[in-house]
Amino acid sequence: MSSEVPKPDAGAPPGALPPVTPERVLAGISLAVPVVALLWVSSYAKPAPALGGMPFFYWYQILWIPVSALFTGAALLLLNRDEQRRRAARGGEPR
């Protein structure tokens, strides 16, 4: 028996990126932020402050629609950048 610990990417081709990259982690976080913000109901389950006669409970949720779109777009850009790096590492054509 060998006392050496094998490297996790021992079977990976040289220059291959690890499965978990900072881009993927940030994309996951940016997708989770709106979900967590809207599932944490006690943070916005109150009528005040009202905006244009609309209670906080409603306008807070409506505000998250474009904010969620921005977070989703950021996740898309991060994953596209990660995929381009993976293609380049495999020797494929980067777009």
Foldseek 3Di string as FASTA:
>chain_A
DDPDDDDPCPVPDPLADDPDDPLQVLLVVLQVVLVVVVVVQVVQPDQPPADPNGGSSPVVVVVVPVVNVVSNVSNVVSVLVVVLSRCVSVVHDRD
